[in-house]
Amino acid sequence: MAGKKYIITFSQSAKTPEIESLYSELESQGSHISKKAHESVIMKYSVATLEPSMLHSLKSNNIIESIEEDKMVSISPIPGTHSELS
Protein backbone atom coordinates (compact mmCIF):
# COMPACT_ATOMS: atom_id res chain seq x y z
CA MET A 1 0.00 0.00 0.00
CA ALA A 2 1.36 3.40 -0.97
CA GLY A 3 -1.09 5.47 1.08
CA LYS A 4 -0.34 8.08 3.72
CA LYS A 5 -0.56 7.82 7.49
CA TYR A 6 -3.64 9.33 9.09
CA ILE A 7 -4.75 9.86 12.68
CA ILE A 8 -8.32 8.65 13.11
CA THR A 9 -10.06 10.09 16.18
CA PHE A 10 -13.12 8.19 17.36
CA SER A 11 -16.12 9.71 19.10
CA GLN A 12 -16.24 9.13 22.85
CA SER A 13 -19.47 7.17 22.36
CA ALA A 14 -17.79 4.69 19.96
CA LYS A 15 -17.79 1.18 21.40
CA THR A 16 -14.80 -1.18 21.20
CA PRO A 17 -16.61 -3.80 19.04
CA GLU A 18 -17.55 -1.07 16.50
CA ILE A 19 -13.96 0.16 16.32
CA GLU A 20 -12.52 -3.35 16.03
CA SER A 21 -15.00 -4.07 13.23
CA LEU A 22 -13.74 -0.97 11.43
CA TYR A 23 -10.13 -2.16 11.88
CA SER A 24 -11.04 -5.49 10.26
CA GLU A 25 -12.73 -3.71 7.37
CA LEU A 26 -9.74 -1.41 6.81
CA GLU A 27 -7.23 -4.25 7.00
CA SER A 28 -9.26 -6.31 4.51
CA GLN A 29 -8.90 -3.37 2.10
CA GLY A 30 -5.11 -3.36 2.51
CA SER A 31 -4.71 -0.71 5.21
CA HIS A 32 -2.17 -1.05 7.99
CA ILE A 33 -3.15 0.02 11.51
CA SER A 34 0.12 1.03 13.22
CA LYS A 35 -1.32 2.35 16.50
CA LYS A 36 -4.51 1.30 18.27
CA ALA A 37 -5.41 3.53 21.24
CA HIS A 38 -9.19 3.17 21.05
CA GLU A 39 -9.53 2.17 24.70
CA SER A 40 -7.91 5.36 26.01
CA VAL A 41 -9.96 7.32 28.53
CA ILE A 42 -8.60 10.66 27.32
CA MET A 43 -8.86 10.29 23.54
CA LYS A 44 -9.83 7.31 21.40
CA TYR A 45 -7.65 7.23 18.29
CA SER A 46 -5.67 5.11 15.86
CA VAL A 47 -2.97 5.68 13.30
CA ALA A 48 -3.47 3.96 9.96
CA THR A 49 -1.99 3.96 6.49
CA LEU A 50 -4.88 4.70 4.13
CA GLU A 51 -5.44 5.30 0.45
CA PRO A 52 -6.95 8.73 -0.30
CA SER A 53 -9.94 7.01 -1.90
CA MET A 54 -10.91 5.57 1.52
CA LEU A 55 -11.19 8.94 3.25
CA HIS A 56 -14.64 9.95 2.00
CA SER A 57 -16.40 6.84 3.27
CA LEU A 58 -14.53 6.98 6.60
CA LYS A 59 -15.47 10.62 7.18
CA SER A 60 -19.15 9.69 6.92
CA ASN A 61 -18.82 6.93 9.53
CA ASN A 62 -20.67 7.97 12.69
CA ILE A 63 -18.05 6.53 15.10
CA ILE A 64 -15.31 8.73 13.61
CA GLU A 65 -14.91 12.25 14.95
CA SER A 66 -12.04 13.34 12.69
CA ILE A 67 -9.33 12.18 10.30
CA GLU A 68 -6.14 14.13 9.73
CA GLU A 69 -2.86 13.40 8.03
CA ASP A 70 -0.16 12.32 10.48
CA LYS A 71 2.68 14.80 10.12
CA MET A 72 5.38 16.54 12.11
CA VAL A 73 4.27 19.61 14.04
CA SER A 74 6.75 22.17 15.33
CA ILE A 75 6.59 25.45 17.18
CA SER A 76 8.92 28.41 17.33
CA PRO A 77 9.99 29.96 20.64
CA ILE A 78 8.13 33.06 21.73
CA PRO A 79 10.45 36.09 21.56
CA GLY A 80 11.68 37.15 24.99
CA THR A 81 11.07 33.79 26.70
CA HIS A 82 13.65 31.77 28.56
CA SER A 83 13.94 29.21 25.71
CA GLU A 84 15.14 31.95 23.36
CA LEU A 85 17.78 33.12 25.82
CA SER A 86 19.36 29.68 26.34
PDB file of N, CA and C in Angstrom:
ATOM      1  N   MET A   1       0.855  -1.183   0.000  1.00  0.00           N
ATOM      2  CA  MET A   1       0.000   0.000   0.000  1.00  0.00           C
ATOM      3  C   MET A   1       0.891   1.232   0.000  1.00  0.00           C
ATOM      4  N   ALA A   2       0.563   2.184  -0.847  1.00  0.00           N
ATOM      5  CA  ALA A   2       1.364   3.403  -0.966  1.00  0.00           C
ATOM      6  C   ALA A   2       0.635   4.608  -0.383  1.00  0.00           C
ATOM      7  N   GLY A   3      -0.309   4.375   0.495  1.00  0.00           N
ATOM      8  CA  GLY A   3      -1.086   5.465   1.078  1.00  0.00           C
ATOM      9  C   GLY A   3      -0.279   6.279   2.066  1.00  0.00           C
ATOM     10  N   LYS A   4      -0.946   7.213   2.702  1.00  0.00           N
ATOM     11  CA  LYS A   4      -0.341   8.075   3.718  1.00  0.00           C
ATOM     12  C   LYS A   4      -0.857   7.672   5.084  1.00  0.00           C
ATOM     13  N   LYS A   5      -0.116   8.085   6.125  1.00  0.00           N
ATOM     14  CA  LYS A   5      -0.556   7.818   7.494  1.00  0.00           C
ATOM     15  C   LYS A   5      -1.546   8.889   7.924  1.00  0.00           C
ATOM     16  N   TYR A   6      -2.608   8.445   8.583  1.00  0.00           N
ATOM     17  CA  TYR A   6      -3.639   9.334   9.088  1.00  0.00           C
ATOM     18  C   TYR A   6      -3.933   9.009  10.547  1.00  0.00           C
ATOM     19  N   ILE A   7      -4.284  10.042  11.302  1.00  0.00           N
ATOM     20  CA  ILE A   7      -4.750   9.864  12.677  1.00  0.00           C
ATOM     21  C   ILE A   7      -6.275   9.855  12.617  1.00  0.00           C
ATOM     22  N   ILE A   8      -6.864   8.790  13.086  1.00  0.00           N
ATOM     23  CA  ILE A   8      -8.322   8.649  13.114  1.00  0.00           C
ATOM     24  C   ILE A   8      -8.753   8.826  14.566  1.00  0.00           C
ATOM     25  N   THR A   9      -9.546   9.847  14.837  1.00  0.00           N
ATOM     26  CA  THR A   9     -10.057  10.086  16.183  1.00  0.00           C
ATOM     27  C   THR A   9     -11.497   9.601  16.237  1.00  0.00           C
ATOM     28  N   PHE A  10     -11.771   8.754  17.209  1.00  0.00           N
ATOM     29  CA  PHE A  10     -13.116   8.193  17.358  1.00  0.00           C
ATOM     30  C   PHE A  10     -13.931   9.016  18.340  1.00  0.00           C
ATOM     31  N   SER A  11     -15.237   9.020  18.154  1.00  0.00           N
ATOM     32  CA  SER A  11     -16.119   9.712  19.095  1.00  0.00           C
ATOM     33  C   SER A  11     -16.054   8.996  20.440  1.00  0.00           C
ATOM     34  N   GLN A  12     -16.287   9.725  21.513  1.00  0.00           N
ATOM     35  CA  GLN A  12     -16.242   9.129  22.852  1.00  0.00           C
ATOM     36  C   GLN A  12     -17.319   8.062  23.025  1.00  0.00           C
ATOM     37  N   SER A  13     -18.394   8.161  22.247  1.00  0.00           N
ATOM     38  CA  SER A  13     -19.470   7.174  22.358  1.00  0.00           C
ATOM     39  C   SER A  13     -19.196   5.897  21.555  1.00  0.00           C
ATOM     40  N   ALA A  14     -18.119   5.879  20.764  1.00  0.00           N
ATOM     41  CA  ALA A  14     -17.788   4.691  19.956  1.00  0.00           C
ATOM     42  C   ALA A  14     -17.437   3.524  20.868  1.00  0.00           C
ATOM     43  N   LYS A  15     -18.004   2.385  20.592  1.00  0.00           N
ATOM     44  CA  LYS A  15     -17.790   1.178  21.399  1.00  0.00           C
ATOM     45  C   LYS A  15     -16.655   0.343  20.791  1.00  0.00           C
ATOM     46  N   THR A  16     -15.938  -0.363  21.643  1.00  0.00           N
ATOM     47  CA  THR A  16     -14.801  -1.182  21.202  1.00  0.00           C
ATOM     48  C   THR A  16     -15.169  -2.149  20.074  1.00  0.00           C
ATOM     49  N   PRO A  17     -16.277  -2.887  20.150  1.00  0.00           N
ATOM     50  CA  PRO A  17     -16.611  -3.795  19.043  1.00  0.00           C
ATOM     51  C   PRO A  17     -16.798  -3.063  17.700  1.00  0.00           C
ATOM     52  N   GLU A  18     -17.369  -1.857  17.740  1.00  0.00           N
ATOM     53  CA  GLU A  18     -17.548  -1.067  16.505  1.00  0.00           C
ATOM     54  C   GLU A  18     -16.192  -0.684  15.908  1.00  0.00           C
ATOM     55  N   ILE A  19     -15.286  -0.263  16.782  1.00  0.00           N
ATOM     56  CA  ILE A  19     -13.964   0.163  16.322  1.00  0.00           C
ATOM     57  C   ILE A  19     -13.183  -1.028  15.786  1.00  0.00           C
ATOM     58  N   GLU A  20     -13.234  -2.162  16.486  1.00  0.00           N
ATOM     59  CA  GLU A  20     -12.524  -3.349  16.032  1.00  0.00           C
ATOM     60  C   GLU A  20     -13.080  -3.866  14.712  1.00  0.00           C
ATOM     61  N   SER A  21     -14.379  -3.700  14.505  1.00  0.00           N
ATOM     62  CA  SER A  21     -14.996  -4.070  13.230  1.00  0.00           C
ATOM     63  C   SER A  21     -14.460  -3.171  12.109  1.00  0.00           C
ATOM     64  N   LEU A  22     -14.300  -1.896  12.406  1.00  0.00           N
ATOM     65  CA  LEU A  22     -13.739  -0.971  11.426  1.00  0.00           C
ATOM     66  C   LEU A  22     -12.292  -1.346  11.099  1.00  0.00           C
ATOM     67  N   TYR A  23     -11.510  -1.718  12.122  1.00  0.00           N
ATOM     68  CA  TYR A  23     -10.130  -2.165  11.882  1.00  0.00           C
ATOM     69  C   TYR A  23     -10.109  -3.342  10.902  1.00  0.00           C
ATOM     70  N   SER A  24     -10.974  -4.316  11.133  1.00  0.00           N
ATOM     71  CA  SER A  24     -11.035  -5.492  10.260  1.00  0.00           C
ATOM     72  C   SER A  24     -11.366  -5.096   8.831  1.00  0.00           C
ATOM     73  N   GLU A  25     -12.329  -4.188   8.699  1.00  0.00           N
ATOM     74  CA  GLU A  25     -12.729  -3.714   7.373  1.00  0.00           C
ATOM     75  C   GLU A  25     -11.563  -3.017   6.675  1.00  0.00           C
ATOM     76  N   LEU A  26     -10.874  -2.135   7.399  1.00  0.00           N
ATOM     77  CA  LEU A  26      -9.742  -1.413   6.807  1.00  0.00           C
ATOM     78  C   LEU A  26      -8.618  -2.361   6.419  1.00  0.00           C
ATOM     79  N   GLU A  27      -8.306  -3.306   7.290  1.00  0.00           N
ATOM     80  CA  GLU A  27      -7.229  -4.250   7.000  1.00  0.00           C
ATOM     81  C   GLU A  27      -7.577  -5.154   5.823  1.00  0.00           C
ATOM     82  N   SER A  28      -8.851  -5.490   5.656  1.00  0.00           N
ATOM     83  CA  SER A  28      -9.257  -6.314   4.509  1.00  0.00           C
ATOM     84  C   SER A  28      -9.118  -5.553   3.191  1.00  0.00           C
ATOM     85  N   GLN A  29      -9.083  -4.211   3.293  1.00  0.00           N
ATOM     86  CA  GLN A  29      -8.903  -3.370   2.104  1.00  0.00           C
ATOM     87  C   GLN A  29      -7.436  -2.993   1.889  1.00  0.00           C
ATOM     88  N   GLY A  30      -6.540  -3.578   2.698  1.00  0.00           N
ATOM     89  CA  GLY A  30      -5.113  -3.359   2.512  1.00  0.00           C
ATOM     90  C   GLY A  30      -4.496  -2.290   3.388  1.00  0.00           C
ATOM     91  N   SER A  31      -5.259  -1.723   4.304  1.00  0.00           N
ATOM     92  CA  SER A  31      -4.712  -0.707   5.210  1.00  0.00           C
ATOM     93  C   SER A  31      -3.881  -1.371   6.298  1.00  0.00           C
ATOM     94  N   HIS A  32      -2.973  -0.586   6.860  1.00  0.00           N
ATOM     95  CA  HIS A  32      -2.172  -1.055   7.991  1.00  0.00           C
ATOM     96  C   HIS A  32      -2.466  -0.144   9.178  1.00  0.00           C
ATOM     97  N   ILE A  33      -2.888  -0.733  10.284  1.00  0.00           N
ATOM     98  CA  ILE A  33      -3.154   0.024  11.512  1.00  0.00           C
ATOM     99  C   ILE A  33      -1.879  -0.063  12.357  1.00  0.00           C
ATOM    100  N   SER A  34      -1.162   1.056  12.505  1.00  0.00           N
ATOM    101  CA  SER A  34       0.117   1.026  13.223  1.00  0.00           C
ATOM    102  C   SER A  34      -0.010   1.378  14.701  1.00  0.00           C
ATOM    103  N   LYS A  35      -1.112   1.984  15.088  1.00  0.00           N
ATOM    104  CA  LYS A  35      -1.324   2.345  16.498  1.00  0.00           C
ATOM    105  C   LYS A  35      -2.807   2.216  16.796  1.00  0.00           C
ATOM    106  N   LYS A  36      -3.123   1.472  17.858  1.00  0.00           N
ATOM    107  CA  LYS A  36      -4.515   1.298  18.274  1.00  0.00           C
ATOM    108  C   LYS A  36      -4.644   1.793  19.713  1.00  0.00           C
ATOM    109  N   ALA A  37      -5.211   2.964  19.895  1.00  0.00           N
ATOM    110  CA  ALA A  37      -5.414   3.533  21.235  1.00  0.00           C
ATOM    111  C   ALA A  37      -6.891   3.834  21.453  1.00  0.00           C
ATOM    112  N   HIS A  38      -7.741   2.942  20.986  1.00  0.00           N
ATOM    113  CA  HIS A  38      -9.187   3.170  21.045  1.00  0.00           C
ATOM    114  C   HIS A  38      -9.783   2.935  22.428  1.00  0.00           C
ATOM    115  N   GLU A  39      -9.009   2.381  23.351  1.00  0.00           N
ATOM    116  CA  GLU A  39      -9.528   2.171  24.700  1.00  0.00           C
ATOM    117  C   GLU A  39      -9.042   3.233  25.682  1.00  0.00           C
ATOM    118  N   SER A  40      -8.396   4.272  25.169  1.00  0.00           N
ATOM    119  CA  SER A  40      -7.908   5.365  26.008  1.00  0.00           C
ATOM    120  C   SER A  40      -9.084   6.129  26.614  1.00  0.00           C
ATOM    121  N   VAL A  41      -8.930   6.539  27.849  1.00  0.00           N
ATOM    122  CA  VAL A  41      -9.962   7.316  28.525  1.00  0.00           C
ATOM    123  C   VAL A  41      -9.939   8.768  28.041  1.00  0.00           C
ATOM    124  N   ILE A  42      -8.751   9.257  27.714  1.00  0.00           N
ATOM    125  CA  ILE A  42      -8.597  10.657  27.323  1.00  0.00           C
ATOM    126  C   ILE A  42      -9.039  10.903  25.887  1.00  0.00           C
ATOM    127  N   MET A  43      -8.522  10.103  24.947  1.00  0.00           N
ATOM    128  CA  MET A  43      -8.862  10.293  23.540  1.00  0.00           C
ATOM    129  C   MET A  43      -8.757   8.952  22.832  1.00  0.00           C
ATOM    130  N   LYS A  44      -9.825   8.559  22.154  1.00  0.00           N
ATOM    131  CA  LYS A  44      -9.835   7.312  21.396  1.00  0.00           C
ATOM    132  C   LYS A  44      -9.324   7.608  19.990  1.00  0.00           C
ATOM    133  N   TYR A  45      -8.200   6.967  19.616  1.00  0.00           N
ATOM    134  CA  TYR A  45      -7.654   7.227  18.289  1.00  0.00           C
ATOM    135  C   TYR A  45      -6.857   6.031  17.789  1.00  0.00           C
ATOM    136  N   SER A  46      -6.534   6.093  16.505  1.00  0.00           N
ATOM    137  CA  SER A  46      -5.670   5.112  15.864  1.00  0.00           C
ATOM    138  C   SER A  46      -4.866   5.819  14.798  1.00  0.00           C
ATOM    139  N   VAL A  47      -3.771   5.181  14.407  1.00  0.00           N
ATOM    140  CA  VAL A  47      -2.969   5.680  13.298  1.00  0.00           C
ATOM    141  C   VAL A  47      -2.977   4.580  12.244  1.00  0.00           C
ATOM    142  N   ALA A  48      -3.352   4.951  11.026  1.00  0.00           N
ATOM    143  CA  ALA A  48      -3.471   3.965   9.958  1.00  0.00           C
ATOM    144  C   ALA A  48      -2.936   4.508   8.648  1.00  0.00           C
ATOM    145  N   THR A  49      -2.393   3.613   7.839  1.00  0.00           N
ATOM    146  CA  THR A  49      -1.990   3.965   6.488  1.00  0.00           C
ATOM    147  C   THR A  49      -3.196   3.707   5.590  1.00  0.00           C
ATOM    148  N   LEU A  50      -3.654   4.773   4.936  1.00  0.00           N
ATOM    149  CA  LEU A  50      -4.881   4.701   4.131  1.00  0.00           C
ATOM    150  C   LEU A  50      -4.646   5.250   2.729  1.00  0.00           C
ATOM    151  N   GLU A  51      -5.398   4.733   1.800  1.00  0.00           N
ATOM    152  CA  GLU A  51      -5.438   5.299   0.448  1.00  0.00           C
ATOM    153  C   GLU A  51      -6.378   6.501   0.471  1.00  0.00           C
ATOM    154  N   PRO A  52      -6.073   7.555  -0.274  1.00  0.00           N
ATOM    155  CA  PRO A  52      -6.948   8.734  -0.303  1.00  0.00           C
ATOM    156  C   PRO A  52      -8.399   8.398  -0.671  1.00  0.00           C
ATOM    157  N   SER A  53      -8.591   7.383  -1.476  1.00  0.00           N
ATOM    158  CA  SER A  53      -9.944   7.005  -1.900  1.00  0.00           C
ATOM    159  C   SER A  53     -10.795   6.496  -0.731  1.00  0.00           C
ATOM    160  N   MET A  54     -10.176   6.098   0.367  1.00  0.00           N
ATOM    161  CA  MET A  54     -10.908   5.574   1.520  1.00  0.00           C
ATOM    162  C   MET A  54     -11.418   6.682   2.435  1.00  0.00           C
ATOM    163  N   LEU A  55     -10.874   7.874   2.304  1.00  0.00           N
ATOM    164  CA  LEU A  55     -11.186   8.943   3.254  1.00  0.00           C
ATOM    165  C   LEU A  55     -12.645   9.365   3.248  1.00  0.00           C
ATOM    166  N   HIS A  56     -13.248   9.475   2.080  1.00  0.00           N
ATOM    167  CA  HIS A  56     -14.637   9.950   1.995  1.00  0.00           C
ATOM    168  C   HIS A  56     -15.589   9.043   2.769  1.00  0.00           C
ATOM    169  N   SER A  57     -15.483   7.748   2.571  1.00  0.00           N
ATOM    170  CA  SER A  57     -16.402   6.841   3.273  1.00  0.00           C
ATOM    171  C   SER A  57     -16.119   6.821   4.774  1.00  0.00           C
ATOM    172  N   LEU A  58     -14.846   6.952   5.166  1.00  0.00           N
ATOM    173  CA  LEU A  58     -14.534   6.980   6.595  1.00  0.00           C
ATOM    174  C   LEU A  58     -15.084   8.228   7.268  1.00  0.00           C
ATOM    175  N   LYS A  59     -14.995   9.367   6.585  1.00  0.00           N
ATOM    176  CA  LYS A  59     -15.474  10.623   7.177  1.00  0.00           C
ATOM    177  C   LYS A  59     -16.978  10.605   7.435  1.00  0.00           C
ATOM    178  N   SER A  60     -17.698   9.768   6.718  1.00  0.00           N
ATOM    179  CA  SER A  60     -19.146   9.694   6.922  1.00  0.00           C
ATOM    180  C   SER A  60     -19.537   8.647   7.962  1.00  0.00           C
ATOM    181  N   ASN A  61     -18.552   7.941   8.519  1.00  0.00           N
ATOM    182  CA  ASN A  61     -18.817   6.927   9.533  1.00  0.00           C
ATOM    183  C   ASN A  61     -19.121   7.619  10.859  1.00  0.00           C
ATOM    184  N   ASN A  62     -20.225   7.257  11.486  1.00  0.00           N
ATOM    185  CA  ASN A  62     -20.675   7.965  12.694  1.00  0.00           C
ATOM    186  C   ASN A  62     -19.829   7.716  13.943  1.00  0.00           C
ATOM    187  N   ILE A  63     -18.922   6.735  13.935  1.00  0.00           N
ATOM    188  CA  ILE A  63     -18.053   6.531  15.098  1.00  0.00           C
ATOM    189  C   ILE A  63     -16.752   7.333  14.985  1.00  0.00           C
ATOM    190  N   ILE A  64     -16.533   7.955  13.830  1.00  0.00           N
ATOM    191  CA  ILE A  64     -15.312   8.728  13.613  1.00  0.00           C
ATOM    192  C   ILE A  64     -15.581  10.205  13.818  1.00  0.00           C
ATOM    193  N   GLU A  65     -14.786  10.812  14.686  1.00  0.00           N
ATOM    194  CA  GLU A  65     -14.910  12.246  14.952  1.00  0.00           C
ATOM    195  C   GLU A  65     -14.101  13.066  13.950  1.00  0.00           C
ATOM    196  N   SER A  66     -12.876  12.607  13.646  1.00  0.00           N
ATOM    197  CA  SER A  66     -12.043  13.339  12.686  1.00  0.00           C
ATOM    198  C   SER A  66     -10.968  12.432  12.109  1.00  0.00           C
ATOM    199  N   ILE A  67     -10.445  12.861  10.949  1.00  0.00           N
ATOM    200  CA  ILE A  67      -9.330  12.184  10.295  1.00  0.00           C
ATOM    201  C   ILE A  67      -8.389  13.272   9.814  1.00  0.00           C
ATOM    202  N   GLU A  68      -7.110  13.153  10.201  1.00  0.00           N
ATOM    203  CA  GLU A  68      -6.136  14.134   9.732  1.00  0.00           C
ATOM    204  C   GLU A  68      -4.835  13.430   9.395  1.00  0.00           C
ATOM    205  N   GLU A  69      -4.129  13.983   8.424  1.00  0.00           N
ATOM    206  CA  GLU A  69      -2.862  13.399   8.026  1.00  0.00           C
ATOM    207  C   GLU A  69      -1.877  13.472   9.191  1.00  0.00           C
ATOM    208  N   ASP A  70      -1.163  12.380   9.415  1.00  0.00           N
ATOM    209  CA  ASP A  70      -0.159  12.317  10.484  1.00  0.00           C
ATOM    210  C   ASP A  70       1.104  12.985   9.950  1.00  0.00           C
ATOM    211  N   LYS A  71       1.480  14.095  10.572  1.00  0.00           N
ATOM    212  CA  LYS A  71       2.680  14.797  10.116  1.00  0.00           C
ATOM    213  C   LYS A  71       3.357  15.490  11.288  1.00  0.00           C
ATOM    214  N   MET A  72       4.589  15.879  11.085  1.00  0.00           N
ATOM    215  CA  MET A  72       5.382  16.538  12.112  1.00  0.00           C
ATOM    216  C   MET A  72       4.831  17.938  12.371  1.00  0.00           C
ATOM    217  N   VAL A  73       4.715  18.280  13.636  1.00  0.00           N
ATOM    218  CA  VAL A  73       4.271  19.611  14.040  1.00  0.00           C
ATOM    219  C   VAL A  73       5.398  20.233  14.833  1.00  0.00           C
ATOM    220  N   SER A  74       5.698  21.502  14.570  1.00  0.00           N
ATOM    221  CA  SER A  74       6.746  22.175  15.331  1.00  0.00           C
ATOM    222  C   SER A  74       6.279  23.567  15.717  1.00  0.00           C
ATOM    223  N   ILE A  75       6.908  24.096  16.742  1.00  0.00           N
ATOM    224  CA  ILE A  75       6.592  25.447  17.176  1.00  0.00           C
ATOM    225  C   ILE A  75       7.882  26.241  17.303  1.00  0.00           C
ATOM    226  N   SER A  76       7.776  27.528  17.163  1.00  0.00           N
ATOM    227  CA  SER A  76       8.922  28.411  17.331  1.00  0.00           C
ATOM    228  C   SER A  76       8.857  29.025  18.718  1.00  0.00           C
ATOM    229  N   PRO A  77      10.025  29.320  19.320  1.00  0.00           N
ATOM    230  CA  PRO A  77       9.992  29.956  20.641  1.00  0.00           C
ATOM    231  C   PRO A  77       9.366  31.346  20.568  1.00  0.00           C
ATOM    232  N   ILE A  78       8.732  31.730  21.639  1.00  0.00           N
ATOM    233  CA  ILE A  78       8.131  33.061  21.726  1.00  0.00           C
ATOM    234  C   ILE A  78       9.252  34.045  22.067  1.00  0.00           C
ATOM    235  N   PRO A  79       9.387  35.110  21.291  1.00  0.00           N
ATOM    236  CA  PRO A  79      10.455  36.087  21.556  1.00  0.00           C
ATOM    237  C   PRO A  79      10.406  36.588  23.005  1.00  0.00           C
ATOM    238  N   GLY A  80      11.587  36.647  23.632  1.00  0.00           N
ATOM    239  CA  GLY A  80      11.675  37.149  24.991  1.00  0.00           C
ATOM    240  C   GLY A  80      11.473  36.099  26.064  1.00  0.00           C
ATOM    241  N   THR A  81      11.239  34.839  25.681  1.00  0.00           N
ATOM    242  CA  THR A  81      11.065  33.795  26.698  1.00  0.00           C
ATOM    243  C   THR A  81      12.407  33.170  27.025  1.00  0.00           C
ATOM    244  N   HIS A  82      12.428  32.419  28.083  1.00  0.00           N
ATOM    245  CA  HIS A  82      13.650  31.767  28.556  1.00  0.00           C
ATOM    246  C   HIS A  82      14.256  30.857  27.468  1.00  0.00           C
ATOM    247  N   SER A  83      13.428  30.163  26.717  1.00  0.00           N
ATOM    248  CA  SER A  83      13.936  29.213  25.713  1.00  0.00           C
ATOM    249  C   SER A  83      14.729  29.940  24.631  1.00  0.00           C
ATOM    250  N   GLU A  84      14.396  31.185  24.367  1.00  0.00           N
ATOM    251  CA  GLU A  84      15.138  31.948  23.359  1.00  0.00           C
ATOM    252  C   GLU A  84      16.480  32.409  23.896  1.00  0.00           C
ATOM    253  N   LEU A  85      16.574  32.604  25.205  1.00  0.00           N
ATOM    254  CA  LEU A  85      17.779  33.120  25.824  1.00  0.00           C
ATOM    255  C   LEU A  85      18.817  32.035  26.084  1.00  0.00           C
ATOM    256  N   SER A  86      18.430  30.780  26.032  1.00  0.00           N
ATOM    257  CA  SER A  86      19.358  29.678  26.344  1.00  0.00           C
ATOM    258  C   SER A  86      20.395  29.493  25.280  1.00  0.00           C
TER     259      SER A  86
END
